[in-house]
Protein backbone atom coordinates (compact mmCIF):
# COMPACT_ATOMS: atom_id res chain seq x y z
CA MET A 1 10.13 19.92 97.72
CA PHE A 2 11.85 17.53 100.35
CA ARG A 3 10.06 15.86 102.85
CA PHE A 4 10.88 14.24 106.14
CA THR A 5 10.00 10.66 107.45
CA HIS A 6 10.87 8.56 109.91
CA PRO A 7 11.98 4.45 110.62
CA ASN A 8 9.56 2.51 112.09
CA ASN A 9 11.78 2.27 115.05
CA GLY A 10 11.66 5.51 115.64
CA ASN A 11 14.99 6.95 114.38
CA ARG A 12 21.51 8.11 113.93
CA ARG A 13 29.39 -3.25 90.86
CA ASN A 14 31.98 -2.08 89.80
CA LEU A 15 33.46 1.02 89.10
CA TRP A 16 32.86 0.76 85.40
CA ALA A 17 29.33 0.02 85.69
CA ALA A 18 29.19 3.16 88.25
CA SER A 19 30.90 5.44 85.82
CA ILE A 20 28.37 4.41 82.80
CA LEU A 21 25.57 5.41 85.19
CA LEU A 22 26.82 8.28 86.53
CA LEU A 23 27.38 9.70 82.96
CA ALA A 24 23.56 8.73 81.92
CA PRO A 25 21.57 11.80 81.58
CA LEU A 26 19.13 11.81 84.81
CA THR A 27 15.26 11.44 83.97
CA ALA A 28 14.05 12.08 87.64
CA SER A 29 10.82 13.47 86.56
CA ALA A 30 9.98 9.70 85.62
CA GLU A 31 11.64 8.08 88.47
CA PRO A 32 10.64 7.71 92.11
CA SER A 33 12.42 9.76 94.69
CA LEU A 34 15.69 8.84 96.45
CA THR A 35 16.14 8.40 99.59
CA PHE A 36 18.70 9.96 101.83
CA VAL A 37 19.25 8.82 105.14
CA SER A 38 21.51 11.29 107.59
CA TRP A 39 21.35 12.25 111.50
CA GLY A 40 19.24 14.86 112.10
CA GLY A 41 18.86 17.85 113.65
CA ALA A 42 21.11 20.69 112.94
CA TYR A 43 23.51 18.78 110.80
CA THR A 44 20.31 17.53 108.68
CA ARG A 45 19.05 21.02 108.15
CA SER A 46 22.63 22.01 107.21
CA GLN A 47 22.68 19.40 104.16
CA MET A 48 19.05 20.21 103.27
CA LEU A 49 20.17 23.70 102.57
CA ALA A 50 23.63 22.87 101.07
CA PHE A 51 22.84 20.29 98.57
CA VAL A 52 19.40 19.05 99.17
CA GLN A 53 17.16 21.48 97.98
CA PRO A 54 19.13 22.58 95.50
CA PHE A 55 19.63 18.72 93.94
CA GLU A 56 15.92 18.64 94.25
CA LYS A 57 15.31 21.82 92.23
CA LEU A 58 18.21 21.32 89.78
CA HIS A 59 16.96 18.03 88.62
CA ASN A 60 13.02 18.64 89.64
CA MET A 61 12.56 15.59 91.76
CA ASP A 62 11.75 14.92 95.64
CA ILE A 63 13.72 13.55 98.05
CA ASN A 64 12.85 11.33 101.01
CA VAL A 65 15.11 12.52 104.08
CA LEU A 66 15.39 9.66 107.24
CA ASP A 67 17.02 10.33 110.14
CA TYR A 68 18.88 7.30 111.35
CA ASN A 69 21.74 6.46 114.51
CA GLY A 70 24.51 4.83 112.53
CA GLY A 71 25.46 1.13 112.35
CA LEU A 72 24.87 -1.18 109.51
CA ASP A 73 21.72 -3.39 111.15
CA GLU A 74 19.07 -1.75 108.82
CA LEU A 75 21.32 -1.79 105.90
CA ARG A 76 22.00 -5.63 106.24
CA ARG A 77 18.15 -6.28 106.99
CA GLN A 78 17.34 -4.56 103.88
CA SER A 79 19.92 -6.19 101.55
CA ARG A 80 18.94 -10.09 102.93
CA SER A 81 15.20 -9.20 102.14
CA LEU A 82 16.67 -7.89 98.33
CA ASN A 83 14.18 -4.77 99.35
CA VAL A 84 16.68 -2.06 99.82
CA LYS A 85 14.81 1.44 100.39
CA TRP A 86 17.40 3.52 101.13
CA ASP A 87 19.65 5.34 98.07
CA VAL A 88 22.65 7.37 99.99
CA ILE A 89 23.58 7.33 103.65
CA ASP A 90 25.77 9.48 105.68
CA MET A 91 28.15 7.15 107.16
CA GLU A 92 30.66 7.37 109.59
CA PRO A 93 34.16 5.92 108.38
CA ALA A 94 34.45 2.32 110.72
CA ASP A 95 30.91 1.72 109.33
CA ALA A 96 31.31 2.48 105.44
CA LEU A 97 34.63 0.43 105.72
CA ARG A 98 32.49 -2.78 107.15
CA GLY A 99 29.81 -1.74 104.86
CA CYS A 100 32.17 -2.00 102.11
CA ARG A 101 33.93 -5.19 103.10
CA GLU A 102 30.48 -6.97 103.58
CA GLY A 103 29.24 -6.06 100.18
CA LEU A 104 26.64 -3.63 101.21
CA LEU A 105 28.20 -1.03 99.55
CA LEU A 106 28.65 0.09 95.95
CA ALA A 107 32.22 0.70 94.86
CA LEU A 108 32.46 4.70 93.44
CA ASP A 109 35.40 6.02 91.17
CA PRO A 110 37.18 8.97 92.50
CA LYS A 111 37.67 10.16 89.10
CA MET A 112 34.04 11.84 89.60
CA LEU A 113 35.25 13.77 92.19
CA ALA A 114 38.01 16.21 90.17
CA ALA A 115 37.75 19.78 91.18
CA SER A 116 36.38 22.45 88.91
CA ASP A 117 39.94 23.81 88.31
CA GLY A 118 41.22 20.81 87.11
CA THR A 119 42.73 19.38 90.75
CA SER A 120 42.78 15.97 91.02
CA ALA A 121 40.86 14.40 94.09
CA ALA A 122 43.89 12.88 95.79
CA ASP A 123 45.22 16.75 95.93
CA ASP A 124 42.01 18.35 97.14
CA PHE A 125 40.51 15.75 99.54
CA LEU A 126 41.60 15.37 103.21
CA PRO A 127 43.54 11.94 103.50
CA GLY A 128 41.48 9.03 103.90
CA SER A 129 38.54 10.64 103.41
CA ILE A 130 38.30 9.02 99.73
CA GLN A 131 37.19 5.17 100.60
CA ARG A 132 36.51 2.87 98.12
CA CYS A 133 32.76 2.81 98.74
CA ALA A 134 32.35 6.01 100.31
CA ILE A 135 33.09 10.11 99.59
CA GLY A 136 33.67 12.18 102.42
CA THR A 137 31.73 15.90 103.10
CA VAL A 138 32.90 17.10 106.65
CA VAL A 139 34.79 16.97 109.74
CA TRP A 140 33.23 16.86 112.45
CA SER A 141 34.39 16.79 116.48
CA THR A 142 33.17 15.57 119.87
CA VAL A 143 33.87 18.26 122.29
CA VAL A 144 33.02 18.71 125.91
CA ALA A 145 30.19 21.18 126.09
CA TYR A 146 28.70 23.39 129.09
CA ASP A 147 26.26 25.92 130.29
CA SER A 148 28.54 28.56 131.72
CA ASP A 149 25.81 29.57 134.29
CA ARG A 150 26.65 26.39 136.20
CA PHE A 151 30.04 27.48 137.03
CA LYS A 152 29.98 30.52 139.09
CA HIS A 153 32.96 32.64 140.90
CA GLY A 154 35.50 31.54 137.85
CA LEU A 155 35.56 27.66 138.29
CA ALA A 156 34.80 26.34 135.27
CA PRO A 157 36.29 23.39 133.28
CA SER A 158 38.77 23.90 131.02
CA THR A 159 40.19 20.14 130.16
CA LEU A 160 39.06 17.07 129.10
CA HIS A 161 40.55 15.97 132.70
CA ASP A 162 37.93 17.86 134.16
CA PHE A 163 34.99 16.17 132.45
CA PHE A 164 36.16 12.76 134.56
CA ASP A 165 36.55 14.83 137.61
CA VAL A 166 33.26 14.68 139.84
CA LYS A 167 34.62 15.66 143.09
CA LYS A 168 36.24 19.06 141.78
CA PHE A 169 33.02 19.25 139.54
CA PRO A 170 30.28 17.49 140.74
CA GLY A 171 27.12 16.62 138.64
CA ALA A 172 25.81 14.83 135.79
CA ARG A 173 27.80 13.81 132.77
CA GLY A 174 26.79 13.43 128.90
CA LEU A 175 28.17 10.40 126.96
CA ARG A 176 26.71 9.18 123.80
CA ARG A 177 26.31 5.54 123.82
CA THR A 178 29.25 3.64 122.34
CA PRO A 179 32.44 2.58 122.88
CA LYS A 180 34.15 4.60 120.08
CA GLY A 181 35.28 7.69 121.63
CA ASN A 182 34.52 7.18 125.34
CA LEU A 183 37.49 4.70 125.65
CA GLU A 184 39.86 6.86 123.90
CA TRP A 185 38.88 10.30 125.72
CA ALA A 186 39.26 7.90 128.95
CA LEU A 187 42.99 7.04 128.75
CA LEU A 188 43.45 10.30 127.13
CA SER A 189 42.11 11.92 130.62
CA ASP A 190 44.61 9.47 132.39
CA GLY A 191 47.45 11.11 131.03
CA VAL A 192 47.71 8.75 127.61
CA LYS A 193 49.44 10.03 124.98
CA PRO A 194 47.33 10.28 121.62
CA GLY A 195 50.23 7.85 119.79
CA HIS A 196 49.66 5.11 122.54
CA VAL A 197 45.72 4.89 123.08
CA TYR A 198 45.35 2.26 120.15
CA PRO A 199 47.97 0.21 120.83
CA MET A 200 46.99 0.19 124.67
CA LEU A 201 43.30 -0.53 123.76
CA GLU A 202 44.63 -3.67 122.03
CA THR A 203 45.71 -5.36 125.37
CA GLU A 204 43.59 -6.66 128.37
CA GLN A 205 45.59 -4.05 130.57
CA GLY A 206 44.81 -1.38 128.16
CA LEU A 207 40.96 -2.36 128.07
CA THR A 208 40.93 -2.55 131.44
CA ARG A 209 42.32 0.54 132.26
CA ALA A 210 39.88 2.42 129.93
CA PHE A 211 36.41 0.92 131.82
CA SER A 212 37.97 1.34 135.50
CA ILE A 213 37.86 5.16 134.91
CA LEU A 214 34.49 4.84 132.79
CA ASP A 215 33.51 3.21 136.21
CA LYS A 216 34.24 5.85 138.37
CA LEU A 217 31.99 8.06 136.04
CA LYS A 218 29.54 5.86 135.46
CA PRO A 219 26.99 6.65 138.69
CA ASN A 220 27.25 10.33 136.92
CA ILE A 221 26.42 9.59 133.06
CA VAL A 222 23.22 10.57 131.35
CA TRP A 223 23.32 8.45 127.82
CA TRP A 224 22.39 9.90 124.86
CA ASP A 225 21.88 8.27 120.95
CA SER A 226 21.31 11.02 118.80
CA GLY A 227 23.11 14.48 118.47
CA ASN A 228 20.63 16.96 118.99
CA GLN A 229 20.22 15.85 122.27
CA PRO A 230 23.35 16.74 124.08
CA PRO A 231 22.22 20.61 123.70
CA GLN A 232 18.47 19.65 125.11
CA LEU A 233 20.33 17.89 128.17
CA LEU A 234 22.34 21.08 129.08
CA LYS A 235 18.92 23.63 128.34
CA ASN A 236 17.16 21.21 130.56
CA ARG A 237 20.02 21.13 133.55
CA ARG A 238 20.05 17.46 133.19
CA VAL A 239 23.78 17.43 133.39
CA VAL A 240 26.41 20.20 133.90
CA MET A 241 28.51 18.44 131.01
CA THR A 242 28.50 16.35 128.05
CA SER A 243 30.38 15.55 125.11
CA ALA A 244 28.72 16.76 122.10
CA TYR A 245 29.22 17.52 118.33
CA SER A 246 30.61 20.76 118.02
CA GLY A 247 28.43 22.01 115.24
CA ARG A 248 25.22 21.29 116.96
CA ILE A 249 26.72 23.20 120.15
CA TYR A 250 27.56 26.10 118.34
CA ASN A 251 24.13 26.21 116.42
CA ALA A 252 22.42 25.95 120.05
CA MET A 253 24.49 28.79 120.92
CA ALA A 254 23.69 31.01 118.09
CA GLU A 255 20.15 30.03 118.32
CA ASN A 256 19.12 30.48 121.90
CA ASN A 257 21.54 29.50 124.50
CA PRO A 258 24.82 32.22 124.57
CA ARG A 259 26.01 30.90 127.92
CA LEU A 260 26.96 27.52 126.52
CA ARG A 261 30.55 26.70 125.80
CA MET A 262 33.03 24.37 124.29
CA LEU A 263 36.47 22.80 125.48
CA TRP A 264 38.81 21.77 122.22
CA ASP A 265 41.08 20.20 124.67
CA HIS A 266 41.82 16.42 123.16
CA GLN A 267 38.66 16.94 120.72
CA ILE A 268 37.52 13.42 119.26
CA TRP A 269 37.41 14.36 115.29
CA ASN A 270 36.75 12.55 112.38
CA PHE A 271 34.49 12.76 108.93
CA ASP A 272 31.53 11.61 107.65
CA LEU A 273 31.15 9.83 104.26
CA LEU A 274 28.37 9.55 101.53
CA ALA A 275 28.05 5.97 100.41
CA ILE A 276 25.27 3.97 97.88
CA PRO A 277 23.92 0.49 98.87
CA LYS A 278 24.88 -1.43 96.53
CA TYR A 279 21.60 -2.60 95.39
CA SER A 280 19.94 0.97 95.28
CA ARG A 281 17.09 0.91 92.90
CA HIS A 282 18.03 4.16 91.77
CA GLN A 283 21.53 4.07 91.14
CA GLN A 284 22.04 6.77 88.60
CA GLN A 285 20.37 9.56 90.42
CA ALA A 286 22.37 8.55 93.53
CA LEU A 287 25.47 8.84 91.76
CA ALA A 288 24.46 12.21 90.35
CA PHE A 289 23.54 13.27 94.12
CA VAL A 290 27.15 12.12 95.74
CA ARG A 291 28.73 14.05 93.13
CA PHE A 292 26.61 17.15 93.54
CA ALA A 293 27.15 16.84 97.39
CA THR A 294 30.69 16.24 97.54
CA ALA A 295 31.57 19.34 95.21
CA SER A 296 33.41 22.07 96.49
CA PRO A 297 30.34 24.76 96.45
CA GLN A 298 28.25 22.74 98.49
CA LEU A 299 30.22 21.91 101.10
CA ALA A 300 31.35 25.38 101.89
CA GLU A 301 27.53 26.26 101.59
CA GLN A 302 27.09 23.54 104.51
CA ALA A 303 29.76 24.90 106.75
CA ARG A 304 28.05 28.38 106.65
CA HIS A 305 24.78 26.52 108.18
CA ILE A 306 26.79 24.45 110.74
CA PRO A 307 30.56 24.64 111.53
CA TYR A 308 32.10 21.53 110.35
CA GLY A 309 35.04 21.53 108.47
CA PRO A 310 34.85 20.56 104.75
CA VAL A 311 37.21 17.72 103.56
CA ARG A 312 38.02 19.41 100.12
CA GLU A 313 40.75 22.41 100.43
CA SER A 314 39.15 23.91 97.78
CA ALA A 315 35.81 24.09 99.67
CA LEU A 316 37.95 25.44 102.80
CA GLN A 317 39.02 28.49 100.48
CA ARG A 318 35.31 29.40 100.08
CA ILE A 319 34.77 30.08 103.71
CA ASP A 320 34.55 33.35 105.49
CA PRO A 321 37.85 33.53 107.89
CA ALA A 322 35.70 34.72 110.17
CA LEU A 323 33.68 31.45 110.35
CA ARG A 324 37.27 29.27 110.24
CA ARG A 325 37.82 29.78 114.10
CA TYR A 326 34.92 27.82 115.03
CA LEU A 327 35.81 24.74 112.76
CA PRO A 328 37.65 21.68 114.43
CA THR A 329 40.62 21.80 112.21
CA THR A 330 41.61 25.69 113.22
CA PRO A 331 45.19 25.39 114.40
CA ASP A 332 44.25 26.46 117.82
CA ASN A 333 41.39 24.27 118.29
CA PHE A 334 43.40 21.38 116.38
CA ARG A 335 46.52 21.46 118.69
CA ASN A 336 45.85 18.24 120.83
CA ALA A 337 43.23 16.73 118.67
CA MET A 338 42.77 13.13 117.96
CA GLN A 339 41.29 11.65 114.95
CA ILE A 340 39.16 8.21 115.66
CA ASN A 341 41.24 5.42 113.77
CA ALA A 342 38.23 4.13 111.86
CA ALA A 343 40.17 0.84 110.44
CA TRP A 344 41.07 0.04 113.93
CA TRP A 345 37.23 0.47 114.98
CA SER A 346 36.04 -1.61 112.05
CA GLN A 347 38.38 -4.47 112.89
CA HIS A 348 37.83 -4.50 116.99
CA TYR A 349 34.25 -3.10 117.09
CA LYS A 350 32.60 -5.94 117.42
CA ALA A 351 34.43 -7.71 120.09
CA ILE A 352 34.83 -4.31 122.14
CA ASN A 353 31.05 -3.27 121.44
CA ALA A 354 29.88 -6.35 123.39
CA ARG A 355 31.93 -5.88 126.39
CA PHE A 356 30.64 -2.60 126.24
CA GLN A 357 26.87 -3.73 126.40
CA GLN A 358 27.98 -5.78 129.00
CA TRP A 359 29.28 -3.29 130.73
CA LEU A 360 26.10 -1.18 130.56
CA GLN A 361 23.92 -3.44 132.09
CA ARG A 362 26.05 -4.36 135.05
CA PRO A 363 24.45 -2.30 137.89
CA VAL A 364 26.92 0.55 139.46
CA GLY A 365 29.62 -1.41 142.29
CA VAL A 366 29.35 -4.52 141.09
CA PRO A 367 32.65 -5.65 140.36
CA ARG A 368 33.49 -6.75 136.60
CA ARG A 369 34.55 -9.94 135.95
CA LEU A 370 36.98 -10.19 133.69
CA PRO A 371 37.62 -12.99 131.03
CA HIS A 372 39.55 -16.02 131.79
């Protein structure tokens, strides 16, 4: 059976060789356990039920499951020390692109992903969800969530702009501690069209505008780091609204808080991917695990446990229509959605995050010094 462990910090070869390893028979009973790294909470639970436990049973092996908060720092440390302990990592696209470019991740062969009916991966997977070093799994979405009990007399938020309007809707706001998504939301709330957001963020004027909007909200912000925190912030009444992963809010609604609501207006969406460290000690098992986890039956099963949209069309067709209305990609929900531009963030993240970290440290009300 699986076992959960946690890292000490408290927490988000080539193609030919990869193909040979993938085709080799598994002898899991003679091998150490795989280590799978993901984001924790309801999301990891959906993975456990959809493909971790079934893979353990199929191959008679144990899988260690670790939680993390994303990023590449720990993988870089393991790689530098030649002591890579992770075997499969659930990643955001920007991290997967950077990790591949830095030589931290194993290149993968898309031929291993053909659908059971012979459909090619290119025709079955969402465009962009197959990278050189990572394979997509589910579409997830960041939305605004709130507790309807906190808004009486019919006055409740209905747009992204309402999230930033602390005069009309007083109270604390939850935001993930990252520039990604927050800068886009700041500009979108200020009337910038989705197609203009990234060109604007490439200019000093655009960045200044985005940070100025966040400046106004900053006294009200409660920062969160892991996906299980926003439902708790709402439950504990620490915030009146929060950014949150839609699947986490749906699960909280279904399990213990039917008063929670989601705003799909200008949802920020992206997909997660599975990647294998280049120097994983168990590449044979890791490749088999990735192929199994990204197969249509497993992706459809995961959606039944958390309403994130599978990246494969063949998986989507397996999902009950009654559930599809809770998926980020349902037409009504997707009307004015914006995708995170992973390639853009891969190029600009380091510089913008440095600026964001400085902004975090600046006391509220202290003017920001612009670069010369």
